[in-house]
N, C-alpha and C. Protein backbone atom coordinates (compact mmCIF):
# COMPACT_ATOMS: atom_id res chain seq x y z
N MET A 1 -13.92 13.77 -43.77
CA MET A 1 -14.56 12.69 -44.78
C MET A 1 -14.45 13.04 -46.23
N ILE A 2 -14.08 11.96 -47.02
CA ILE A 2 -13.86 12.22 -48.36
C ILE A 2 -15.07 12.14 -49.23
N SER A 3 -15.22 13.12 -50.07
CA SER A 3 -16.56 13.12 -50.96
C SER A 3 -16.58 12.06 -51.95
N VAL A 4 -17.74 11.50 -52.03
CA VAL A 4 -17.92 10.20 -52.94
C VAL A 4 -17.61 10.54 -54.34
N SER A 5 -17.60 12.07 -54.77
CA SER A 5 -17.30 12.24 -56.20
C SER A 5 -15.95 12.90 -56.24
N SER A 6 -15.14 13.10 -55.23
CA SER A 6 -13.88 13.79 -55.28
C SER A 6 -12.78 12.83 -55.68
N THR A 7 -11.99 13.31 -56.79
CA THR A 7 -10.63 12.60 -57.02
C THR A 7 -9.43 13.09 -56.43
N PHE A 8 -9.60 14.44 -55.86
CA PHE A 8 -8.45 14.94 -55.22
C PHE A 8 -8.88 16.24 -54.54
N ASP A 9 -8.15 16.36 -53.18
CA ASP A 9 -8.50 17.40 -52.39
C ASP A 9 -7.12 18.06 -51.93
N PRO A 10 -6.66 19.17 -52.46
CA PRO A 10 -5.44 19.72 -52.12
C PRO A 10 -5.32 20.10 -50.56
N ASP A 11 -6.32 20.17 -49.86
CA ASP A 11 -6.38 20.64 -48.43
C ASP A 11 -6.80 19.42 -47.56
N CYS A 12 -6.69 18.10 -48.06
CA CYS A 12 -7.14 17.10 -47.24
C CYS A 12 -6.15 16.75 -46.17
N ARG A 13 -6.83 16.48 -44.86
CA ARG A 13 -6.11 16.28 -43.72
C ARG A 13 -6.86 15.08 -43.12
N ALA A 14 -7.40 14.20 -43.77
CA ALA A 14 -7.99 13.07 -43.27
C ALA A 14 -7.26 11.94 -42.51
N CYS A 15 -5.91 12.09 -42.78
CA CYS A 15 -5.05 11.16 -42.02
C CYS A 15 -4.20 11.97 -41.00
N PRO A 16 -4.38 11.97 -39.70
CA PRO A 16 -3.77 12.85 -38.81
C PRO A 16 -2.19 12.66 -38.81
N ARG A 17 -1.86 11.44 -38.82
CA ARG A 17 -0.22 11.24 -38.90
C ARG A 17 0.38 11.92 -40.16
N LEU A 18 -0.24 11.75 -41.21
CA LEU A 18 0.31 12.31 -42.57
C LEU A 18 0.15 13.78 -42.50
N ALA A 19 -0.92 14.43 -41.96
CA ALA A 19 -1.07 15.79 -42.00
C ALA A 19 -0.04 16.44 -41.04
N GLY A 20 0.09 15.81 -39.85
CA GLY A 20 1.16 16.33 -38.89
C GLY A 20 2.54 16.28 -39.45
N PHE A 21 2.88 15.20 -40.13
CA PHE A 21 4.21 15.03 -40.71
C PHE A 21 4.49 16.08 -41.79
N LEU A 22 3.45 16.40 -42.57
CA LEU A 22 3.62 17.46 -43.73
C LEU A 22 3.78 18.75 -43.07
N ASP A 23 3.13 19.10 -42.00
CA ASP A 23 3.30 20.26 -41.25
C ASP A 23 4.75 20.44 -40.78
N GLN A 24 5.27 19.40 -40.36
CA GLN A 24 6.74 19.49 -39.74
C GLN A 24 7.71 19.52 -40.98
N VAL A 25 7.43 18.77 -42.15
CA VAL A 25 8.23 18.90 -43.24
C VAL A 25 8.33 20.34 -43.88
N LYS A 26 7.08 20.95 -43.87
CA LYS A 26 7.00 22.26 -44.28
C LYS A 26 7.84 23.28 -43.60
N THR A 27 7.81 23.04 -42.14
CA THR A 27 8.61 23.76 -41.34
C THR A 27 10.19 23.70 -41.69
N ASP A 28 10.53 22.46 -41.89
CA ASP A 28 11.95 22.08 -42.18
C ASP A 28 12.41 22.39 -43.66
N TYR A 29 11.41 22.42 -44.49
CA TYR A 29 11.75 22.72 -45.92
C TYR A 29 10.59 23.72 -46.44
N PRO A 30 10.75 24.99 -46.12
CA PRO A 30 9.76 26.00 -46.36
C PRO A 30 9.37 26.00 -47.95
N GLY A 31 10.45 25.67 -48.77
CA GLY A 31 10.29 25.79 -50.18
C GLY A 31 9.58 24.63 -50.85
N TYR A 32 9.45 23.51 -50.08
CA TYR A 32 8.79 22.31 -50.65
C TYR A 32 7.32 22.56 -50.72
N HIS A 33 6.60 21.72 -51.52
CA HIS A 33 5.18 21.75 -51.90
C HIS A 33 4.52 21.22 -50.53
N ALA A 34 5.01 20.08 -49.94
CA ALA A 34 4.50 19.52 -48.69
C ALA A 34 3.01 19.63 -48.38
N ARG A 35 2.32 19.14 -49.32
CA ARG A 35 0.81 19.04 -49.37
C ARG A 35 0.45 17.73 -50.14
N PRO A 36 -0.83 17.29 -50.08
CA PRO A 36 -1.25 16.27 -50.99
C PRO A 36 -0.75 16.61 -52.46
N VAL A 37 -0.37 15.52 -53.24
CA VAL A 37 0.18 15.77 -54.56
C VAL A 37 -0.92 15.31 -55.50
N GLU A 38 -1.18 16.33 -56.38
CA GLU A 38 -2.24 16.06 -57.32
C GLU A 38 -1.92 15.15 -58.49
N PRO A 39 -2.86 14.24 -58.90
CA PRO A 39 -2.60 13.43 -60.08
C PRO A 39 -2.19 14.41 -61.33
N PHE A 40 -1.35 13.97 -62.16
CA PHE A 40 -0.72 14.72 -63.12
C PHE A 40 -0.97 13.89 -64.53
N GLY A 41 -1.53 14.80 -65.58
CA GLY A 41 -1.74 14.23 -66.88
C GLY A 41 -2.95 14.53 -67.48
N ALA A 42 -3.27 13.79 -68.57
CA ALA A 42 -4.41 13.99 -69.37
C ALA A 42 -5.68 13.62 -68.70
N ALA A 43 -6.82 14.46 -68.75
CA ALA A 43 -8.13 14.23 -68.13
C ALA A 43 -8.68 13.03 -68.77
N ASP A 44 -8.53 12.76 -70.08
CA ASP A 44 -9.08 11.67 -70.68
C ASP A 44 -8.19 10.59 -70.92
N ALA A 45 -7.36 10.35 -69.94
CA ALA A 45 -6.24 9.22 -70.20
C ALA A 45 -6.84 7.81 -70.34
N ARG A 46 -6.20 7.13 -71.23
CA ARG A 46 -6.46 5.81 -71.47
C ARG A 46 -5.57 4.98 -70.65
N LEU A 47 -4.50 5.59 -70.10
CA LEU A 47 -3.42 4.84 -69.27
C LEU A 47 -3.44 5.56 -67.92
N LEU A 48 -3.55 4.93 -66.89
CA LEU A 48 -3.42 5.49 -65.51
C LEU A 48 -2.39 4.75 -64.80
N ILE A 49 -1.27 5.47 -64.45
CA ILE A 49 -0.19 4.80 -63.77
C ILE A 49 -0.34 5.10 -62.27
N VAL A 50 -0.35 4.12 -61.48
CA VAL A 50 -0.43 4.40 -60.02
C VAL A 50 0.71 3.84 -59.26
N GLY A 51 1.27 4.99 -58.63
CA GLY A 51 2.42 4.60 -57.67
C GLY A 51 1.89 4.51 -56.30
N LEU A 52 3.07 4.42 -55.44
CA LEU A 52 2.71 4.36 -53.95
C LEU A 52 2.41 5.65 -53.29
N ALA A 53 3.34 6.48 -53.19
CA ALA A 53 3.11 7.82 -52.46
C ALA A 53 4.13 8.81 -52.84
N PRO A 54 4.10 10.08 -52.73
CA PRO A 54 5.10 10.97 -52.99
C PRO A 54 6.37 10.68 -52.16
N GLY A 55 7.52 11.07 -52.75
CA GLY A 55 8.80 10.81 -52.16
C GLY A 55 9.15 12.22 -51.45
N MET A 56 9.95 12.06 -50.51
CA MET A 56 10.23 13.28 -49.65
C MET A 56 10.95 14.32 -50.44
N HIS A 57 11.88 14.10 -51.25
CA HIS A 57 12.62 15.13 -52.10
C HIS A 57 12.15 15.02 -53.54
N GLY A 58 11.23 14.31 -53.83
CA GLY A 58 10.72 14.16 -55.14
C GLY A 58 9.21 15.02 -55.23
N ALA A 59 8.25 14.22 -55.38
CA ALA A 59 6.91 14.79 -55.58
C ALA A 59 6.56 15.68 -54.46
N ASN A 60 6.90 15.20 -53.15
CA ASN A 60 6.65 16.14 -52.02
C ASN A 60 7.18 17.51 -52.13
N ALA A 61 8.37 17.64 -52.80
CA ALA A 61 9.19 18.94 -52.94
C ALA A 61 8.57 19.69 -54.04
N THR A 62 8.29 19.04 -55.25
CA THR A 62 7.90 19.56 -56.45
C THR A 62 6.53 19.81 -56.73
N GLY A 63 5.68 18.93 -56.19
CA GLY A 63 4.11 18.92 -56.34
C GLY A 63 3.82 18.17 -57.54
N ARG A 64 4.65 17.51 -58.29
CA ARG A 64 4.25 16.54 -59.27
C ARG A 64 4.76 15.16 -59.17
N PRO A 65 3.89 14.28 -59.35
CA PRO A 65 4.24 12.83 -59.22
C PRO A 65 5.62 12.42 -59.87
N PHE A 66 6.49 11.71 -59.22
CA PHE A 66 7.71 11.16 -59.84
C PHE A 66 8.49 12.36 -60.38
N THR A 67 8.58 13.40 -59.80
CA THR A 67 9.42 14.54 -60.36
C THR A 67 10.39 14.97 -59.32
N GLY A 68 11.59 14.90 -59.49
CA GLY A 68 12.61 15.36 -58.56
C GLY A 68 13.38 14.32 -57.79
N ASP A 69 12.89 13.08 -57.94
CA ASP A 69 13.60 12.01 -57.31
C ASP A 69 14.10 10.88 -58.35
N TYR A 70 14.78 9.93 -57.84
CA TYR A 70 15.51 8.92 -58.69
C TYR A 70 14.53 8.10 -59.57
N ALA A 71 13.42 7.71 -58.88
CA ALA A 71 12.31 6.84 -59.53
C ALA A 71 11.82 7.42 -60.81
N GLY A 72 11.73 8.81 -60.77
CA GLY A 72 11.01 9.50 -61.95
C GLY A 72 12.03 9.53 -63.08
N ILE A 73 13.37 9.41 -62.95
CA ILE A 73 14.28 9.30 -64.05
C ILE A 73 13.84 8.29 -65.11
N LEU A 74 13.86 7.02 -64.74
CA LEU A 74 13.50 5.88 -65.68
C LEU A 74 12.07 5.96 -66.14
N LEU A 75 11.09 6.42 -65.29
CA LEU A 75 9.69 6.51 -65.62
C LEU A 75 9.50 7.49 -66.72
N TYR A 76 9.95 8.69 -66.64
CA TYR A 76 9.66 9.79 -67.61
C TYR A 76 10.43 9.46 -68.85
N GLU A 77 11.81 8.95 -68.76
CA GLU A 77 12.41 8.48 -70.00
C GLU A 77 11.55 7.41 -70.74
N THR A 78 10.97 6.44 -70.02
CA THR A 78 10.24 5.41 -70.65
C THR A 78 8.97 6.02 -71.22
N LEU A 79 8.24 6.91 -70.46
CA LEU A 79 7.02 7.53 -71.02
C LEU A 79 7.38 8.24 -72.32
N TYR A 80 8.43 8.82 -72.46
CA TYR A 80 8.79 9.63 -73.70
C TYR A 80 8.96 8.66 -74.77
N GLU A 81 9.81 7.67 -74.53
CA GLU A 81 10.20 6.65 -75.47
C GLU A 81 8.98 5.92 -76.12
N TYR A 82 7.96 5.71 -75.28
CA TYR A 82 6.75 5.05 -75.87
C TYR A 82 5.65 5.91 -76.06
N GLY A 83 5.94 7.24 -76.32
CA GLY A 83 5.00 8.25 -76.77
C GLY A 83 3.94 8.73 -75.81
N PHE A 84 4.09 8.54 -74.57
CA PHE A 84 3.21 9.09 -73.50
C PHE A 84 3.57 10.38 -72.89
N SER A 85 4.77 10.95 -73.43
CA SER A 85 5.17 12.30 -72.69
C SER A 85 5.86 13.06 -73.74
N THR A 86 5.84 14.39 -73.61
CA THR A 86 6.49 15.39 -74.60
C THR A 86 7.90 15.61 -74.34
N SER A 87 8.43 15.06 -73.20
CA SER A 87 9.85 15.26 -72.84
C SER A 87 10.38 14.06 -71.99
N PRO A 88 11.62 13.69 -72.15
CA PRO A 88 12.12 12.58 -71.28
C PRO A 88 12.52 12.97 -69.95
N GLN A 89 12.43 14.15 -69.54
CA GLN A 89 12.76 14.60 -68.18
C GLN A 89 11.63 15.47 -67.57
N SER A 90 11.23 15.15 -66.36
CA SER A 90 10.34 15.89 -65.60
C SER A 90 11.14 16.69 -64.53
N LEU A 91 11.23 17.96 -64.65
CA LEU A 91 12.17 18.77 -63.86
C LEU A 91 11.35 19.62 -62.74
N SER A 92 10.17 20.17 -63.04
CA SER A 92 9.35 20.88 -62.12
C SER A 92 7.88 20.99 -62.73
N ARG A 93 7.09 21.57 -61.95
CA ARG A 93 5.69 21.72 -62.37
C ARG A 93 5.48 22.61 -63.43
N ASP A 94 6.44 23.49 -63.67
CA ASP A 94 6.22 24.61 -64.71
C ASP A 94 7.36 24.34 -65.88
N ASP A 95 7.70 23.21 -66.03
CA ASP A 95 8.64 22.97 -67.15
C ASP A 95 8.13 22.75 -68.52
N GLY A 96 6.84 22.78 -68.61
CA GLY A 96 6.07 22.50 -69.95
C GLY A 96 5.83 21.14 -70.35
N LEU A 97 6.24 20.22 -69.61
CA LEU A 97 6.13 18.70 -69.96
C LEU A 97 4.66 18.45 -69.87
N GLU A 98 4.15 17.73 -70.88
CA GLU A 98 2.86 17.17 -70.97
C GLU A 98 2.64 15.69 -71.09
N LEU A 99 1.75 15.03 -70.45
CA LEU A 99 1.58 13.55 -70.74
C LEU A 99 0.52 13.41 -71.85
N ILE A 100 0.66 12.40 -72.70
CA ILE A 100 -0.07 12.24 -73.76
C ILE A 100 -1.04 10.94 -73.51
N GLY A 101 -2.30 11.05 -73.44
CA GLY A 101 -3.09 9.88 -73.15
C GLY A 101 -2.79 9.14 -71.98
N CYS A 102 -2.20 9.78 -71.02
CA CYS A 102 -1.73 9.09 -69.77
C CYS A 102 -1.80 10.03 -68.41
N ARG A 103 -2.01 9.42 -67.37
CA ARG A 103 -2.16 10.27 -66.21
C ARG A 103 -1.37 9.44 -65.10
N ILE A 104 -0.71 10.09 -64.22
CA ILE A 104 0.02 9.45 -63.06
C ILE A 104 -0.61 9.99 -61.79
N THR A 105 -0.93 8.94 -60.78
CA THR A 105 -1.39 9.23 -59.54
C THR A 105 -0.66 8.38 -58.50
N ASN A 106 -1.00 8.44 -57.35
CA ASN A 106 -0.56 7.64 -56.18
C ASN A 106 -1.57 7.04 -55.41
N ALA A 107 -1.36 5.78 -54.82
CA ALA A 107 -2.33 5.16 -53.99
C ALA A 107 -2.55 6.04 -52.69
N VAL A 108 -1.50 6.78 -52.25
CA VAL A 108 -1.57 7.65 -51.20
C VAL A 108 -0.96 8.97 -51.64
N LYS A 109 -1.77 10.10 -51.43
CA LYS A 109 -1.52 11.32 -52.13
C LYS A 109 -0.50 12.14 -51.21
N CYS A 110 -0.19 11.80 -49.97
CA CYS A 110 0.62 12.49 -49.10
C CYS A 110 1.93 11.84 -48.78
N LEU A 111 2.97 12.49 -48.48
CA LEU A 111 4.27 11.97 -48.11
C LEU A 111 4.00 11.24 -46.67
N PRO A 112 4.42 9.85 -46.69
CA PRO A 112 4.40 9.24 -45.33
C PRO A 112 5.72 9.18 -44.73
N PRO A 113 5.91 9.12 -43.48
CA PRO A 113 7.16 8.94 -42.74
C PRO A 113 7.92 7.74 -43.15
N GLN A 114 9.23 7.81 -43.52
CA GLN A 114 9.99 6.70 -43.99
C GLN A 114 9.39 6.10 -45.26
N ASN A 115 8.61 6.86 -46.08
CA ASN A 115 7.93 6.39 -47.25
C ASN A 115 7.09 5.10 -47.04
N LYS A 116 6.59 5.00 -45.83
CA LYS A 116 5.74 3.82 -45.67
C LYS A 116 4.49 4.25 -44.99
N PRO A 117 3.41 4.26 -45.76
CA PRO A 117 2.01 4.49 -45.32
C PRO A 117 1.52 3.32 -44.56
N VAL A 118 0.74 3.48 -43.57
CA VAL A 118 0.11 2.33 -42.70
C VAL A 118 -1.17 1.99 -43.47
N GLY A 119 -1.70 0.89 -43.11
CA GLY A 119 -2.88 0.35 -43.75
C GLY A 119 -4.07 1.35 -43.66
N ALA A 120 -4.32 1.93 -42.51
CA ALA A 120 -5.37 2.84 -42.47
C ALA A 120 -5.35 4.05 -43.51
N GLU A 121 -4.18 4.62 -43.67
CA GLU A 121 -3.93 5.62 -44.59
C GLU A 121 -4.11 5.34 -45.99
N ILE A 122 -3.63 4.17 -46.38
CA ILE A 122 -4.05 3.51 -47.66
C ILE A 122 -5.56 3.55 -47.97
N ASN A 123 -6.04 2.87 -46.85
CA ASN A 123 -7.58 2.62 -47.01
C ASN A 123 -8.32 3.99 -47.00
N THR A 124 -7.85 4.97 -46.30
CA THR A 124 -8.60 6.20 -46.40
C THR A 124 -8.53 6.98 -47.75
N CYS A 125 -7.28 6.93 -48.22
CA CYS A 125 -7.00 7.54 -49.45
C CYS A 125 -7.58 6.71 -50.63
N ASN A 126 -7.96 5.41 -50.42
CA ASN A 126 -8.58 4.65 -51.49
C ASN A 126 -9.72 5.20 -52.10
N ALA A 127 -10.44 5.97 -51.27
CA ALA A 127 -11.68 6.70 -51.88
C ALA A 127 -11.40 7.58 -53.04
N TYR A 128 -10.32 8.24 -53.03
CA TYR A 128 -9.79 9.12 -54.15
C TYR A 128 -9.49 8.17 -55.36
N LEU A 129 -8.73 7.17 -55.09
CA LEU A 129 -8.38 6.33 -56.17
C LEU A 129 -9.65 5.66 -56.92
N SER A 130 -10.58 5.16 -55.97
CA SER A 130 -11.69 4.53 -56.48
C SER A 130 -12.51 5.56 -57.39
N ASN A 131 -12.37 6.77 -57.02
CA ASN A 131 -13.23 7.84 -57.95
C ASN A 131 -12.40 8.18 -59.22
N GLU A 132 -11.05 7.95 -59.10
CA GLU A 132 -10.26 8.23 -60.38
C GLU A 132 -10.37 6.98 -61.38
N LEU A 133 -10.52 5.81 -60.87
CA LEU A 133 -10.87 4.65 -61.63
C LEU A 133 -12.17 4.70 -62.34
N ALA A 134 -13.18 5.14 -61.57
CA ALA A 134 -14.50 5.18 -62.17
C ALA A 134 -14.62 6.21 -63.28
N ALA A 135 -13.67 7.21 -63.32
CA ALA A 135 -13.76 8.21 -64.35
C ALA A 135 -13.08 7.81 -65.60
N LEU A 136 -12.34 6.73 -65.59
CA LEU A 136 -11.65 6.24 -66.75
C LEU A 136 -12.57 5.81 -67.84
N PRO A 137 -12.09 5.93 -69.12
CA PRO A 137 -13.07 5.50 -70.15
C PRO A 137 -13.10 3.94 -70.28
N GLU A 138 -14.09 3.43 -70.85
CA GLU A 138 -14.24 1.95 -70.94
C GLU A 138 -12.99 1.33 -71.67
N GLY A 139 -12.44 0.28 -71.07
CA GLY A 139 -11.38 -0.41 -71.70
C GLY A 139 -9.95 0.22 -71.29
N ALA A 140 -9.98 1.12 -70.38
CA ALA A 140 -8.67 1.81 -70.03
C ALA A 140 -7.82 0.87 -69.35
N LEU A 141 -6.54 1.17 -69.31
CA LEU A 141 -5.61 0.34 -68.66
C LEU A 141 -4.81 1.12 -67.47
N VAL A 142 -4.84 0.35 -66.43
CA VAL A 142 -4.21 0.82 -65.13
C VAL A 142 -2.95 0.10 -65.02
N LEU A 143 -1.80 0.78 -64.82
CA LEU A 143 -0.52 0.30 -64.56
C LEU A 143 -0.11 0.50 -63.23
N ALA A 144 0.00 -0.55 -62.43
CA ALA A 144 0.46 -0.43 -61.01
C ALA A 144 1.86 -0.61 -60.92
N LEU A 145 2.41 0.30 -60.24
CA LEU A 145 3.95 0.32 -59.95
C LEU A 145 4.18 -0.30 -58.49
N GLY A 146 4.35 -1.58 -58.43
CA GLY A 146 4.56 -2.20 -57.11
C GLY A 146 3.35 -2.84 -56.58
N SER A 147 3.48 -3.79 -55.60
CA SER A 147 2.31 -4.49 -55.10
C SER A 147 1.42 -3.75 -54.31
N ILE A 148 1.88 -2.70 -53.56
CA ILE A 148 0.95 -2.00 -52.78
C ILE A 148 0.01 -1.11 -53.58
N ALA A 149 0.53 -0.49 -54.79
CA ALA A 149 -0.27 0.16 -55.71
C ALA A 149 -1.38 -0.82 -56.24
N HIS A 150 -0.82 -2.01 -56.60
CA HIS A 150 -1.71 -3.10 -57.13
C HIS A 150 -2.83 -3.31 -56.31
N ASN A 151 -2.55 -3.59 -54.91
CA ASN A 151 -3.54 -3.95 -54.05
C ASN A 151 -4.59 -2.83 -53.83
N ALA A 152 -4.15 -1.62 -53.88
CA ALA A 152 -4.94 -0.43 -53.69
C ALA A 152 -5.88 -0.45 -54.89
N VAL A 153 -5.39 -0.72 -55.98
CA VAL A 153 -6.32 -0.75 -57.19
C VAL A 153 -7.41 -1.82 -57.15
N VAL A 154 -6.95 -2.95 -56.71
CA VAL A 154 -7.95 -4.01 -56.52
C VAL A 154 -9.06 -3.63 -55.52
N LYS A 155 -8.56 -3.11 -54.38
CA LYS A 155 -9.43 -2.75 -53.36
C LYS A 155 -10.35 -1.61 -53.72
N ALA A 156 -9.83 -0.63 -54.44
CA ALA A 156 -10.69 0.45 -54.82
C ALA A 156 -11.80 -0.08 -55.76
N LEU A 157 -11.69 -1.19 -56.45
CA LEU A 157 -12.74 -1.70 -57.31
C LEU A 157 -13.55 -2.57 -56.59
N GLY A 158 -13.38 -2.89 -55.39
CA GLY A 158 -14.15 -3.82 -54.58
C GLY A 158 -13.99 -5.33 -54.88
N LEU A 159 -12.83 -5.61 -55.34
CA LEU A 159 -12.44 -6.92 -55.88
C LEU A 159 -11.72 -7.70 -54.70
N ARG A 160 -11.50 -8.92 -54.98
CA ARG A 160 -10.96 -9.87 -54.01
C ARG A 160 -9.48 -9.88 -54.38
N GLN A 161 -8.58 -9.66 -53.41
CA GLN A 161 -7.06 -9.60 -53.75
C GLN A 161 -6.56 -10.95 -54.11
N ARG A 162 -7.16 -11.96 -53.49
CA ARG A 162 -6.68 -13.30 -53.74
C ARG A 162 -6.90 -13.73 -55.20
N ALA A 163 -7.92 -13.15 -55.79
CA ALA A 163 -8.21 -13.43 -57.25
C ALA A 163 -7.29 -12.82 -58.26
N PHE A 164 -6.52 -11.67 -57.76
CA PHE A 164 -5.64 -10.96 -58.72
C PHE A 164 -4.35 -10.75 -58.01
N PRO A 165 -3.46 -11.85 -58.04
CA PRO A 165 -2.06 -11.72 -57.35
C PRO A 165 -1.16 -10.86 -58.27
N PHE A 166 -0.38 -10.13 -57.54
CA PHE A 166 0.52 -9.25 -58.18
C PHE A 166 1.70 -10.08 -58.93
N SER A 167 2.10 -9.81 -60.03
CA SER A 167 3.26 -10.44 -60.73
C SER A 167 3.72 -9.44 -61.80
N HIS A 168 5.00 -9.27 -61.81
CA HIS A 168 5.60 -8.34 -62.87
C HIS A 168 5.16 -8.62 -64.22
N ASN A 169 4.78 -7.61 -64.98
CA ASN A 169 4.20 -7.76 -66.40
C ASN A 169 3.12 -8.76 -66.50
N ARG A 170 2.33 -8.75 -65.59
CA ARG A 170 1.07 -9.71 -65.67
C ARG A 170 -0.09 -8.78 -65.89
N LEU A 171 -0.97 -9.11 -66.91
CA LEU A 171 -2.16 -8.43 -67.11
C LEU A 171 -3.45 -9.14 -66.51
N HIS A 172 -4.23 -8.29 -65.87
CA HIS A 172 -5.53 -8.69 -65.22
C HIS A 172 -6.57 -8.15 -65.89
N GLU A 173 -7.69 -8.90 -66.19
CA GLU A 173 -8.94 -8.45 -66.76
C GLU A 173 -9.77 -8.15 -65.48
N LEU A 174 -10.18 -6.92 -65.29
CA LEU A 174 -11.08 -6.55 -64.11
C LEU A 174 -12.43 -6.42 -64.47
N ASN A 175 -13.18 -5.61 -63.69
CA ASN A 175 -14.62 -5.48 -64.12
C ASN A 175 -14.89 -4.29 -65.04
N ASP A 176 -16.00 -4.29 -65.71
CA ASP A 176 -16.47 -3.25 -66.61
C ASP A 176 -15.31 -2.93 -67.72
N GLY A 177 -14.58 -3.98 -68.10
CA GLY A 177 -13.61 -3.81 -69.14
C GLY A 177 -12.31 -3.27 -68.80
N LEU A 178 -12.14 -3.00 -67.55
CA LEU A 178 -10.85 -2.14 -67.12
C LEU A 178 -9.83 -3.27 -66.98
N ARG A 179 -8.62 -2.97 -67.36
CA ARG A 179 -7.54 -3.89 -67.27
C ARG A 179 -6.31 -3.28 -66.34
N LEU A 180 -5.78 -4.26 -65.69
CA LEU A 180 -4.64 -3.85 -64.79
C LEU A 180 -3.31 -4.61 -65.13
N LEU A 181 -2.39 -3.73 -65.45
CA LEU A 181 -1.01 -4.31 -65.65
C LEU A 181 -0.10 -3.99 -64.63
N ASP A 182 0.69 -5.09 -64.18
CA ASP A 182 1.60 -4.92 -62.96
C ASP A 182 3.09 -4.75 -63.44
N SER A 183 3.90 -3.87 -62.64
CA SER A 183 5.30 -3.64 -62.85
C SER A 183 5.93 -3.51 -61.43
N TYR A 184 7.12 -4.02 -61.28
CA TYR A 184 7.79 -3.68 -60.17
C TYR A 184 8.03 -2.15 -60.07
N HIS A 185 8.04 -1.55 -58.92
CA HIS A 185 8.25 -0.17 -58.85
C HIS A 185 9.63 0.25 -59.37
N CYS A 186 9.79 1.45 -59.99
CA CYS A 186 10.96 1.94 -60.62
C CYS A 186 11.80 2.65 -59.47
N SER A 187 11.92 2.07 -58.25
CA SER A 187 12.64 2.75 -57.27
C SER A 187 14.14 2.66 -57.34
N ARG A 188 14.86 3.34 -56.57
CA ARG A 188 16.33 3.30 -56.65
C ARG A 188 16.75 1.84 -56.28
N TYR A 189 16.02 1.31 -55.17
CA TYR A 189 16.53 -0.10 -54.65
C TYR A 189 16.22 -1.03 -55.68
N ASN A 190 15.10 -0.97 -56.48
CA ASN A 190 14.73 -2.07 -57.28
C ASN A 190 15.71 -1.99 -58.60
N THR A 191 16.03 -0.80 -59.04
CA THR A 191 16.84 -0.67 -60.20
C THR A 191 18.37 -0.98 -59.93
N GLN A 192 18.70 -0.64 -58.73
CA GLN A 192 20.12 -0.88 -58.43
C GLN A 192 20.52 -2.26 -58.07
N THR A 193 19.48 -2.92 -57.51
CA THR A 193 19.50 -4.46 -57.26
C THR A 193 19.42 -5.36 -58.54
N ARG A 194 18.91 -4.59 -59.60
CA ARG A 194 18.55 -5.31 -60.81
C ARG A 194 17.32 -6.11 -60.71
N ARG A 195 16.56 -5.91 -59.66
CA ARG A 195 15.22 -6.63 -59.66
C ARG A 195 14.41 -6.06 -60.88
N LEU A 196 14.56 -4.83 -61.08
CA LEU A 196 13.91 -4.15 -62.32
C LEU A 196 15.02 -3.64 -63.15
N THR A 197 15.14 -4.00 -64.46
CA THR A 197 16.20 -3.48 -65.26
C THR A 197 15.32 -2.54 -66.25
N PRO A 198 16.14 -1.53 -66.87
CA PRO A 198 15.43 -0.73 -67.88
C PRO A 198 14.60 -1.56 -69.08
N GLU A 199 15.28 -2.68 -69.32
CA GLU A 199 14.72 -3.52 -70.38
C GLU A 199 13.35 -4.24 -69.97
N MET A 200 13.40 -4.58 -68.70
CA MET A 200 12.16 -5.17 -68.08
C MET A 200 10.95 -4.07 -68.09
N PHE A 201 11.41 -2.78 -67.73
CA PHE A 201 10.49 -1.69 -67.55
C PHE A 201 9.90 -1.31 -69.03
N HIS A 202 10.81 -1.28 -69.94
CA HIS A 202 10.53 -0.92 -71.19
C HIS A 202 9.52 -1.97 -71.85
N ALA A 203 9.79 -3.27 -71.41
CA ALA A 203 8.86 -4.36 -72.07
C ALA A 203 7.34 -4.12 -71.45
N VAL A 204 7.27 -3.61 -70.20
CA VAL A 204 5.97 -3.32 -69.68
C VAL A 204 5.36 -2.31 -70.43
N PHE A 205 6.09 -1.09 -70.74
CA PHE A 205 5.40 0.05 -71.43
C PHE A 205 5.29 -0.44 -72.82
N ALA A 206 5.93 -1.18 -73.49
CA ALA A 206 5.61 -1.62 -74.80
C ALA A 206 4.44 -2.32 -74.90
N ARG A 207 4.17 -3.12 -73.86
CA ARG A 207 2.85 -3.93 -73.91
C ARG A 207 1.64 -2.85 -73.65
N ALA A 208 1.95 -1.96 -72.76
CA ALA A 208 1.02 -0.92 -72.35
C ALA A 208 0.69 -0.22 -73.67
N ARG A 209 1.57 0.24 -74.40
CA ARG A 209 1.18 0.98 -75.63
C ARG A 209 0.36 0.22 -76.57
N GLU A 210 0.71 -1.16 -76.68
CA GLU A 210 -0.19 -1.94 -77.49
C GLU A 210 -1.57 -2.10 -77.03
N LEU A 211 -1.75 -2.24 -75.79
CA LEU A 211 -3.07 -2.37 -75.14
C LEU A 211 -3.89 -1.15 -75.15
N VAL A 212 -3.24 0.07 -74.98
CA VAL A 212 -4.19 1.38 -75.21
C VAL A 212 -4.45 1.60 -76.58
N GLU A 213 -3.67 1.11 -77.56
CA GLU A 213 -3.96 1.32 -79.01
C GLU A 213 -5.21 0.69 -79.32
N ASP A 214 -5.57 -0.35 -78.56
CA ASP A 214 -6.81 -1.13 -78.85
C ASP A 214 -8.08 -0.46 -78.47
N ILE A 215 -8.01 0.48 -77.71
CA ILE A 215 -9.19 1.13 -77.06
C ILE A 215 -9.88 2.10 -78.23
């Protein structure tokens, strides 16, 4: 059972399928992190970026969100360009990179098989996300990467999904002054098919920069 005050548990095994899968991955790749991946960034962040889940050879390997996989290349380059990171590249947990006024988390903290968590796993991990959102300062901005992350944020706040439909670069005013900005996920598939271009992603972060400056 997840504590009502916890935002992360490195030993969480609340989802049997995910826990068993991580055990197998650790056997196959002994050098991998292969555990729940901790949110990364500033404790007093005004911008919280929410992804879907750790990637097999990315965060699941390195232990840092969006580090070691293709999706992280565009994300960290963009974070650096808009003043949210001290480096345009995230290479490992001990590379010295720091986020500025920003934190990155995932809707699901553990690697799922085929990168596809099931609904019950998203719902179980939603308690962590709910606590993370509750700890944000008033007026903070949440940036959801993809519709699953978007839906997880809406659920974590106890709001109706139908009232807040996902749409790229759309801003939603939520409760208690919290704001939600949507973006297509910076996955290899989305960028290679041009569903998401660097220009589109930069436009989202330019808007995010303006919004957090108002806090």
